[in-house]
Amino acid sequence: SFRATGAFTSTSNVGFVDVLASATTAGTVVRIASSAAGQTATELLRIDASGFTTGYTGSMVTITNSSTTGTGNNLLVTSVATTAGDAVKIVNNALTLGAGTLLNLSHTTSVIGAGSSMLRITSTSIDTGTTTGCLLDLAATAATTGHLVIITSASLTSGVALKFTLAGLTTGSAISLTGIAAATQNFNMNASAGSTAAPQTNAPTGFFKVGIGGTDQWVPYYNAT
């Protein structure tokens, strides 16, 4: 047990506990292990902070990696939870109005090009879940007037805001909307101007299929002029 009452002020790396390995190339510098059988509530690492003021702007945990072109990770979490439990769980019940976020991913300098992503969710197994989203499950059980998902870009010109590529889709749907009252708009879009195509005098260019109430319906579309 290590205990101290001193007011440590160092922000470099010299504090109450300082571990340094300046020559290690492939070893493990710090390892915490527990192998006792029958564990039900063991904690291998716990960090508690109290007494913070309203002006606190620091970070309880900071992980900084050096520049590299390799495929290493800053943080690797490998979970053995199979039927219950979470690999990573974040709880913040104090989040209210303001600029706070539960998870904030930020990128400001280099250009994200082909093959890179700020967030990537991948599964290579043959997933069959239908009651929750296998790759992404968003649920709000009490929200009434909020916007659940917002995509904002004031600079996008020739790009795509939302893209679906579903080459293997046969009997399924690209988008399925259910639980919407009959008098409620399924889609709300900006009105377009400038088209002279009059449905009463011009034949449609083609049709696209939508499903309404489980029945296929064909919607005509026309040339822009």
C-alpha atoms as a PDB file:
ATOM      1  CA  SER A   1       0.000   0.000   0.000  1.00  0.00           C
ATOM      2  CA  PHE A   2       1.401   3.387  -1.005  1.00  0.00           C
ATOM      3  CA  ARG A   3      -0.028   6.467   0.655  1.00  0.00           C
ATOM      4  CA  ALA A   4       0.988  10.109   0.657  1.00  0.00           C
ATOM      5  CA  THR A   5      -0.529  13.367   1.768  1.00  0.00           C
ATOM      6  CA  GLY A   6       1.781  15.682  -0.124  1.00  0.00           C
ATOM      7  CA  ALA A   7       0.454  18.112  -2.747  1.00  0.00           C
ATOM      8  CA  PHE A   8       2.153  16.793  -5.868  1.00  0.00           C
ATOM      9  CA  THR A   9       2.215  19.425  -8.619  1.00  0.00           C
ATOM     10  CA  SER A  10       4.331  17.781 -11.316  1.00  0.00           C
ATOM     11  CA  THR A  11       2.686  17.513 -14.743  1.00  0.00           C
ATOM     12  CA  SER A  12       5.610  15.860 -16.562  1.00  0.00           C
ATOM     13  CA  ASN A  13       5.916  12.322 -15.140  1.00  0.00           C
ATOM     14  CA  VAL A  14       7.641  12.647 -11.769  1.00  0.00           C
ATOM     15  CA  GLY A  15       4.967  12.095  -9.149  1.00  0.00           C
ATOM     16  CA  PHE A  16       4.281   9.786  -6.255  1.00  0.00           C
ATOM     17  CA  VAL A  17       4.852   6.719  -8.448  1.00  0.00           C
ATOM     18  CA  ASP A  18       7.204   6.999 -11.418  1.00  0.00           C
ATOM     19  CA  VAL A  19       7.937   3.941 -13.592  1.00  0.00           C
ATOM     20  CA  LEU A  20      10.546   4.362 -16.333  1.00  0.00           C
ATOM     21  CA  ALA A  21      11.919   1.836 -18.821  1.00  0.00           C
ATOM     22  CA  SER A  22      14.121   3.653 -21.315  1.00  0.00           C
ATOM     23  CA  ALA A  23      15.608   0.592 -23.044  1.00  0.00           C
ATOM     24  CA  THR A  24      12.678  -1.831 -23.290  1.00  0.00           C
ATOM     25  CA  THR A  25      11.802  -2.717 -26.890  1.00  0.00           C
ATOM     26  CA  ALA A  26       9.379  -5.660 -26.668  1.00  0.00           C
ATOM     27  CA  GLY A  27       8.796  -6.273 -22.972  1.00  0.00           C
ATOM     28  CA  THR A  28       6.019  -5.394 -20.525  1.00  0.00           C
ATOM     29  CA  VAL A  29       6.768  -2.489 -18.210  1.00  0.00           C
ATOM     30  CA  VAL A  30       3.820  -2.841 -15.816  1.00  0.00           C
ATOM     31  CA  ARG A  31       1.643  -5.920 -15.393  1.00  0.00           C
ATOM     32  CA  ILE A  32      -1.349  -6.438 -13.111  1.00  0.00           C
ATOM     33  CA  ALA A  33      -2.602 -10.020 -12.920  1.00  0.00           C
ATOM     34  CA  SER A  34      -5.089 -12.009 -10.873  1.00  0.00           C
ATOM     35  CA  SER A  35      -5.819 -15.713 -11.332  1.00  0.00           C
ATOM     36  CA  ALA A  36      -7.816 -16.648  -8.237  1.00  0.00           C
ATOM     37  CA  ALA A  37     -10.707 -18.976  -9.007  1.00  0.00           C
ATOM     38  CA  GLY A  38     -14.296 -17.990  -8.289  1.00  0.00           C
ATOM     39  CA  GLN A  39     -13.850 -14.247  -8.764  1.00  0.00           C
ATOM     40  CA  THR A  40     -17.153 -12.388  -8.900  1.00  0.00           C
ATOM     41  CA  ALA A  41     -16.362  -8.742  -8.173  1.00  0.00           C
ATOM     42  CA  THR A  42     -12.597  -8.370  -8.369  1.00  0.00           C
ATOM     43  CA  GLU A  43     -11.147  -5.018  -9.469  1.00  0.00           C
ATOM     44  CA  LEU A  44      -7.601  -5.093 -10.783  1.00  0.00           C
ATOM     45  CA  LEU A  45      -7.291  -1.338 -11.238  1.00  0.00           C
ATOM     46  CA  ARG A  46      -9.401   1.377  -9.677  1.00  0.00           C
ATOM     47  CA  ILE A  47      -8.962   5.135  -9.955  1.00  0.00           C
ATOM     48  CA  ASP A  48     -11.080   7.368  -7.730  1.00  0.00           C
ATOM     49  CA  ALA A  49     -10.929  11.157  -7.767  1.00  0.00           C
ATOM     50  CA  SER A  50     -12.765  13.498  -5.426  1.00  0.00           C
ATOM     51  CA  GLY A  51     -12.677  17.132  -4.434  1.00  0.00           C
ATOM     52  CA  PHE A  52     -12.607  18.453  -7.985  1.00  0.00           C
ATOM     53  CA  THR A  53     -13.869  22.016  -8.355  1.00  0.00           C
ATOM     54  CA  THR A  54     -16.130  23.351 -11.096  1.00  0.00           C
ATOM     55  CA  GLY A  55     -13.087  24.750 -12.876  1.00  0.00           C
ATOM     56  CA  TYR A  56     -11.343  21.389 -13.390  1.00  0.00           C
ATOM     57  CA  THR A  57     -10.018  21.074 -16.954  1.00  0.00           C
ATOM     58  CA  GLY A  58      -7.557  18.207 -16.612  1.00  0.00           C
ATOM     59  CA  SER A  59      -7.768  14.539 -17.539  1.00  0.00           C
ATOM     60  CA  MET A  60      -7.912  11.770 -14.963  1.00  0.00           C
ATOM     61  CA  VAL A  61      -6.065   9.409 -17.311  1.00  0.00           C
ATOM     62  CA  THR A  62      -3.771  10.454 -20.160  1.00  0.00           C
ATOM     63  CA  ILE A  63      -2.318   8.036 -22.715  1.00  0.00           C
ATOM     64  CA  THR A  64       0.101   9.520 -25.259  1.00  0.00           C
ATOM     65  CA  ASN A  65       1.697   7.484 -28.020  1.00  0.00           C
ATOM     66  CA  SER A  66       4.741   8.353 -30.110  1.00  0.00           C
ATOM     67  CA  SER A  67       4.485   8.828 -33.856  1.00  0.00           C
ATOM     68  CA  THR A  68       4.696   5.604 -35.816  1.00  0.00           C
ATOM     69  CA  THR A  69       3.804   4.186 -39.210  1.00  0.00           C
ATOM     70  CA  GLY A  70       3.253   0.714 -37.781  1.00  0.00           C
ATOM     71  CA  THR A  71      -0.040  -1.009 -36.951  1.00  0.00           C
ATOM     72  CA  GLY A  72       0.276  -0.732 -33.177  1.00  0.00           C
ATOM     73  CA  ASN A  73      -2.559   0.363 -30.901  1.00  0.00           C
ATOM     74  CA  ASN A  74      -2.707   3.053 -28.249  1.00  0.00           C
ATOM     75  CA  LEU A  75      -5.209   0.977 -26.306  1.00  0.00           C
ATOM     76  CA  LEU A  76      -6.163  -2.679 -26.784  1.00  0.00           C
ATOM     77  CA  VAL A  77      -9.109  -4.138 -24.887  1.00  0.00           C
ATOM     78  CA  THR A  78      -9.711  -7.881 -25.289  1.00  0.00           C
ATOM     79  CA  SER A  79     -12.912  -9.097 -23.669  1.00  0.00           C
ATOM     80  CA  VAL A  80     -13.957 -12.664 -22.848  1.00  0.00           C
ATOM     81  CA  ALA A  81     -17.526 -11.694 -21.951  1.00  0.00           C
ATOM     82  CA  THR A  82     -19.739 -13.886 -24.131  1.00  0.00           C
ATOM     83  CA  THR A  83     -23.419 -13.759 -23.165  1.00  0.00           C
ATOM     84  CA  ALA A  84     -23.532 -10.836 -20.735  1.00  0.00           C
ATOM     85  CA  GLY A  85     -21.414  -7.918 -19.663  1.00  0.00           C
ATOM     86  CA  ASP A  86     -19.704  -5.201 -21.686  1.00  0.00           C
ATOM     87  CA  ALA A  87     -16.191  -4.958 -23.045  1.00  0.00           C
ATOM     88  CA  VAL A  88     -16.221  -1.197 -22.366  1.00  0.00           C
ATOM     89  CA  LYS A  89     -18.912   0.654 -20.418  1.00  0.00           C
ATOM     90  CA  ILE A  90     -19.104   4.425 -19.966  1.00  0.00           C
ATOM     91  CA  VAL A  91     -21.604   5.978 -17.548  1.00  0.00           C
ATOM     92  CA  ASN A  92     -22.211   9.698 -17.069  1.00  0.00           C
ATOM     93  CA  ASN A  93     -25.535  10.452 -15.390  1.00  0.00           C
ATOM     94  CA  ALA A  94     -24.557  14.101 -14.804  1.00  0.00           C
ATOM     95  CA  LEU A  95     -24.570  15.036 -18.499  1.00  0.00           C
ATOM     96  CA  THR A  96     -27.091  17.845 -19.101  1.00  0.00           C
ATOM     97  CA  LEU A  97     -27.126  21.144 -21.018  1.00  0.00           C
ATOM     98  CA  GLY A  98     -23.842  22.566 -22.223  1.00  0.00           C
ATOM     99  CA  ALA A  99     -20.972  21.247 -24.322  1.00  0.00           C
ATOM    100  CA  GLY A 100     -20.308  17.979 -22.519  1.00  0.00           C
ATOM    101  CA  THR A 101     -20.244  14.639 -24.331  1.00  0.00           C
ATOM    102  CA  LEU A 102     -20.153  11.046 -23.200  1.00  0.00           C
ATOM    103  CA  LEU A 103     -17.641  10.115 -25.886  1.00  0.00           C
ATOM    104  CA  ASN A 104     -15.782  12.738 -27.918  1.00  0.00           C
ATOM    105  CA  LEU A 105     -13.715  11.745 -30.964  1.00  0.00           C
ATOM    106  CA  SER A 106     -11.740  14.692 -32.333  1.00  0.00           C
ATOM    107  CA  HIS A 107      -9.579  15.115 -35.440  1.00  0.00           C
ATOM    108  CA  THR A 108      -8.217  18.474 -36.591  1.00  0.00           C
ATOM    109  CA  THR A 109      -4.911  18.225 -38.447  1.00  0.00           C
ATOM    110  CA  SER A 110      -4.060  15.541 -41.016  1.00  0.00           C
ATOM    111  CA  VAL A 111      -6.443  14.700 -43.869  1.00  0.00           C
ATOM    112  CA  ILE A 112      -8.401  11.477 -43.439  1.00  0.00           C
ATOM    113  CA  GLY A 113      -8.030   9.652 -46.744  1.00  0.00           C
ATOM    114  CA  ALA A 114      -9.208   6.397 -48.296  1.00  0.00           C
ATOM    115  CA  GLY A 115      -8.953   3.448 -45.912  1.00  0.00           C
ATOM    116  CA  SER A 116      -8.996   5.506 -42.700  1.00  0.00           C
ATOM    117  CA  SER A 117     -11.950   6.283 -40.425  1.00  0.00           C
ATOM    118  CA  MET A 118     -12.595   8.110 -37.181  1.00  0.00           C
ATOM    119  CA  LEU A 119     -14.918   5.298 -36.110  1.00  0.00           C
ATOM    120  CA  ARG A 120     -15.052   1.821 -37.610  1.00  0.00           C
ATOM    121  CA  ILE A 121     -17.318  -1.009 -36.493  1.00  0.00           C
ATOM    122  CA  THR A 122     -16.634  -4.375 -38.141  1.00  0.00           C
ATOM    123  CA  SER A 123     -18.011  -7.864 -37.728  1.00  0.00           C
ATOM    124  CA  THR A 124     -16.955 -10.854 -39.843  1.00  0.00           C
ATOM    125  CA  SER A 125     -19.287 -13.398 -38.250  1.00  0.00           C
ATOM    126  CA  ILE A 126     -22.645 -14.432 -39.735  1.00  0.00           C
ATOM    127  CA  ASP A 127     -24.773 -12.250 -37.432  1.00  0.00           C
ATOM    128  CA  THR A 128     -28.503 -12.980 -37.180  1.00  0.00           C
ATOM    129  CA  GLY A 129     -29.782 -10.639 -34.455  1.00  0.00           C
ATOM    130  CA  THR A 130     -32.998  -8.767 -35.284  1.00  0.00           C
ATOM    131  CA  THR A 131     -34.184  -7.336 -31.940  1.00  0.00           C
ATOM    132  CA  THR A 132     -31.084  -5.152 -31.545  1.00  0.00           C
ATOM    133  CA  GLY A 133     -28.655  -3.733 -34.085  1.00  0.00           C
ATOM    134  CA  CYS A 134     -25.816  -6.192 -34.614  1.00  0.00           C
ATOM    135  CA  LEU A 135     -23.312  -3.474 -35.538  1.00  0.00           C
ATOM    136  CA  LEU A 136     -24.961  -0.402 -34.040  1.00  0.00           C
ATOM    137  CA  ASP A 137     -27.920  -0.196 -31.684  1.00  0.00           C
ATOM    138  CA  LEU A 138     -29.258   3.271 -30.813  1.00  0.00           C
ATOM    139  CA  ALA A 139     -32.150   3.460 -28.366  1.00  0.00           C
ATOM    140  CA  ALA A 140     -33.837   6.346 -26.549  1.00  0.00           C
ATOM    141  CA  THR A 141     -36.637   5.167 -24.256  1.00  0.00           C
ATOM    142  CA  ALA A 142     -37.759   8.515 -22.813  1.00  0.00           C
ATOM    143  CA  ALA A 143     -36.863  11.250 -25.331  1.00  0.00           C
ATOM    144  CA  THR A 144     -39.851  13.177 -26.710  1.00  0.00           C
ATOM    145  CA  THR A 145     -38.687  16.319 -28.550  1.00  0.00           C
ATOM    146  CA  GLY A 146     -34.956  15.740 -29.035  1.00  0.00           C
ATOM    147  CA  HIS A 147     -33.123  14.946 -32.266  1.00  0.00           C
ATOM    148  CA  LEU A 148     -31.672  11.458 -31.885  1.00  0.00           C
ATOM    149  CA  VAL A 149     -29.155  11.642 -34.756  1.00  0.00           C
ATOM    150  CA  ILE A 150     -27.822  14.774 -36.479  1.00  0.00           C
ATOM    151  CA  ILE A 151     -25.397  14.857 -39.410  1.00  0.00           C
ATOM    152  CA  THR A 152     -24.077  18.372 -40.069  1.00  0.00           C
ATOM    153  CA  SER A 153     -21.678  19.632 -42.722  1.00  0.00           C
ATOM    154  CA  ALA A 154     -21.486  23.182 -44.055  1.00  0.00           C
ATOM    155  CA  SER A 155     -18.627  22.376 -46.461  1.00  0.00           C
ATOM    156  CA  LEU A 156     -19.679  19.157 -48.229  1.00  0.00           C
ATOM    157  CA  THR A 157     -20.159  19.867 -51.954  1.00  0.00           C
ATOM    158  CA  SER A 158     -19.686  16.786 -54.138  1.00  0.00           C
ATOM    159  CA  GLY A 159     -19.388  14.184 -51.392  1.00  0.00           C
ATOM    160  CA  VAL A 160     -22.049  11.965 -49.836  1.00  0.00           C
ATOM    161  CA  ALA A 161     -23.526  12.506 -46.367  1.00  0.00           C
ATOM    162  CA  LEU A 162     -24.914   8.993 -45.961  1.00  0.00           C
ATOM    163  CA  LYS A 163     -24.156   6.043 -48.242  1.00  0.00           C
ATOM    164  CA  PHE A 164     -25.499   2.508 -48.317  1.00  0.00           C
ATOM    165  CA  THR A 165     -23.803  -0.210 -50.389  1.00  0.00           C
ATOM    166  CA  LEU A 166     -25.902  -3.380 -50.179  1.00  0.00           C
ATOM    167  CA  ALA A 167     -24.929  -5.524 -53.155  1.00  0.00           C
ATOM    168  CA  GLY A 168     -26.195  -8.737 -51.564  1.00  0.00           C
ATOM    169  CA  LEU A 169     -29.657  -7.460 -50.603  1.00  0.00           C
ATOM    170  CA  THR A 170     -32.480  -9.591 -52.030  1.00  0.00           C
ATOM    171  CA  THR A 171     -35.646  -9.783 -49.915  1.00  0.00           C
ATOM    172  CA  GLY A 172     -34.597  -7.335 -47.206  1.00  0.00           C
ATOM    173  CA  SER A 173     -34.803  -3.537 -47.101  1.00  0.00           C
ATOM    174  CA  ALA A 174     -32.200  -0.788 -47.249  1.00  0.00           C
ATOM    175  CA  ILE A 175     -34.266   1.332 -44.839  1.00  0.00           C
ATOM    176  CA  SER A 176     -37.198   0.111 -42.758  1.00  0.00           C
ATOM    177  CA  LEU A 177     -39.474   2.608 -40.985  1.00  0.00           C
ATOM    178  CA  THR A 178     -42.040   1.209 -38.554  1.00  0.00           C
ATOM    179  CA  GLY A 179     -44.119   2.501 -35.679  1.00  0.00           C
ATOM    180  CA  ILE A 180     -44.851   5.830 -37.387  1.00  0.00           C
ATOM    181  CA  ALA A 181     -48.424   7.095 -37.138  1.00  0.00           C
ATOM    182  CA  ALA A 182     -50.346   7.255 -40.416  1.00  0.00           C
ATOM    183  CA  ALA A 183     -50.735  11.050 -40.171  1.00  0.00           C
ATOM    184  CA  THR A 184     -47.026  11.617 -39.493  1.00  0.00           C
ATOM    185  CA  GLN A 185     -44.438  12.411 -42.166  1.00  0.00           C
ATOM    186  CA  ASN A 186     -42.042   9.573 -42.904  1.00  0.00           C
ATOM    187  CA  PHE A 187     -39.655  12.000 -44.605  1.00  0.00           C
ATOM    188  CA  ASN A 188     -39.400  15.785 -44.359  1.00  0.00           C
ATOM    189  CA  MET A 189     -37.299  17.366 -47.100  1.00  0.00           C
ATOM    190  CA  ASN A 190     -36.629  20.823 -48.528  1.00  0.00           C
ATOM    191  CA  ALA A 191     -38.777  21.808 -51.491  1.00  0.00           C
ATOM    192  CA  SER A 192     -37.025  22.066 -54.878  1.00  0.00           C
ATOM    193  CA  ALA A 193     -37.689  24.721 -57.499  1.00  0.00           C
ATOM    194  CA  GLY A 194     -36.951  25.124 -61.195  1.00  0.00           C
ATOM    195  CA  SER A 195     -38.369  21.872 -62.580  1.00  0.00           C
ATOM    196  CA  THR A 196     -40.859  22.134 -65.458  1.00  0.00           C
ATOM    197  CA  ALA A 197     -41.755  18.454 -65.465  1.00  0.00           C
ATOM    198  CA  ALA A 198     -45.524  18.230 -65.190  1.00  0.00           C
ATOM    199  CA  PRO A 199     -46.723  14.728 -64.237  1.00  0.00           C
ATOM    200  CA  GLN A 200     -50.040  15.325 -65.968  1.00  0.00           C
ATOM    201  CA  THR A 201     -48.372  15.952 -69.358  1.00  0.00           C
ATOM    202  CA  ASN A 202     -45.003  14.162 -69.169  1.00  0.00           C
ATOM    203  CA  ALA A 203     -44.291  10.482 -68.938  1.00  0.00           C
ATOM    204  CA  PRO A 204     -42.099   9.448 -66.004  1.00  0.00           C
ATOM    205  CA  THR A 205     -38.465   8.643 -66.620  1.00  0.00           C
ATOM    206  CA  GLY A 206     -38.728   5.561 -64.444  1.00  0.00           C
ATOM    207  CA  PHE A 207     -39.950   4.181 -61.149  1.00  0.00           C
ATOM    208  CA  PHE A 208     -38.425   3.193 -57.823  1.00  0.00           C
ATOM    209  CA  LYS A 209     -39.934   0.709 -55.436  1.00  0.00           C
ATOM    210  CA  VAL A 210     -40.909   1.347 -51.831  1.00  0.00           C
ATOM    211  CA  GLY A 211     -42.742  -0.865 -49.394  1.00  0.00           C
ATOM    212  CA  ILE A 212     -45.802   0.520 -47.616  1.00  0.00           C
ATOM    213  CA  GLY A 213     -47.484  -1.664 -45.032  1.00  0.00           C
ATOM    214  CA  GLY A 214     -45.665  -4.699 -46.376  1.00  0.00           C
ATOM    215  CA  THR A 215     -46.861  -4.102 -49.958  1.00  0.00           C
ATOM    216  CA  ASP A 216     -44.617  -3.045 -52.842  1.00  0.00           C
ATOM    217  CA  GLN A 217     -45.483   0.340 -54.342  1.00  0.00           C
ATOM    218  CA  TRP A 218     -43.899   1.962 -57.384  1.00  0.00           C
ATOM    219  CA  VAL A 219     -43.157   5.710 -57.268  1.00  0.00           C
ATOM    220  CA  PRO A 220     -42.509   7.572 -60.552  1.00  0.00           C
ATOM    221  CA  TYR A 221     -39.656  10.019 -61.052  1.00  0.00           C
ATOM    222  CA  TYR A 222     -39.067  12.578 -63.802  1.00  0.00           C
ATOM    223  CA  ASN A 223     -36.189  14.341 -65.494  1.00  0.00           C
ATOM    224  CA  ALA A 224     -35.078  17.582 -63.872  1.00  0.00           C
ATOM    225  CA  THR A 225     -36.419  19.638 -66.790  1.00  0.00           C
END
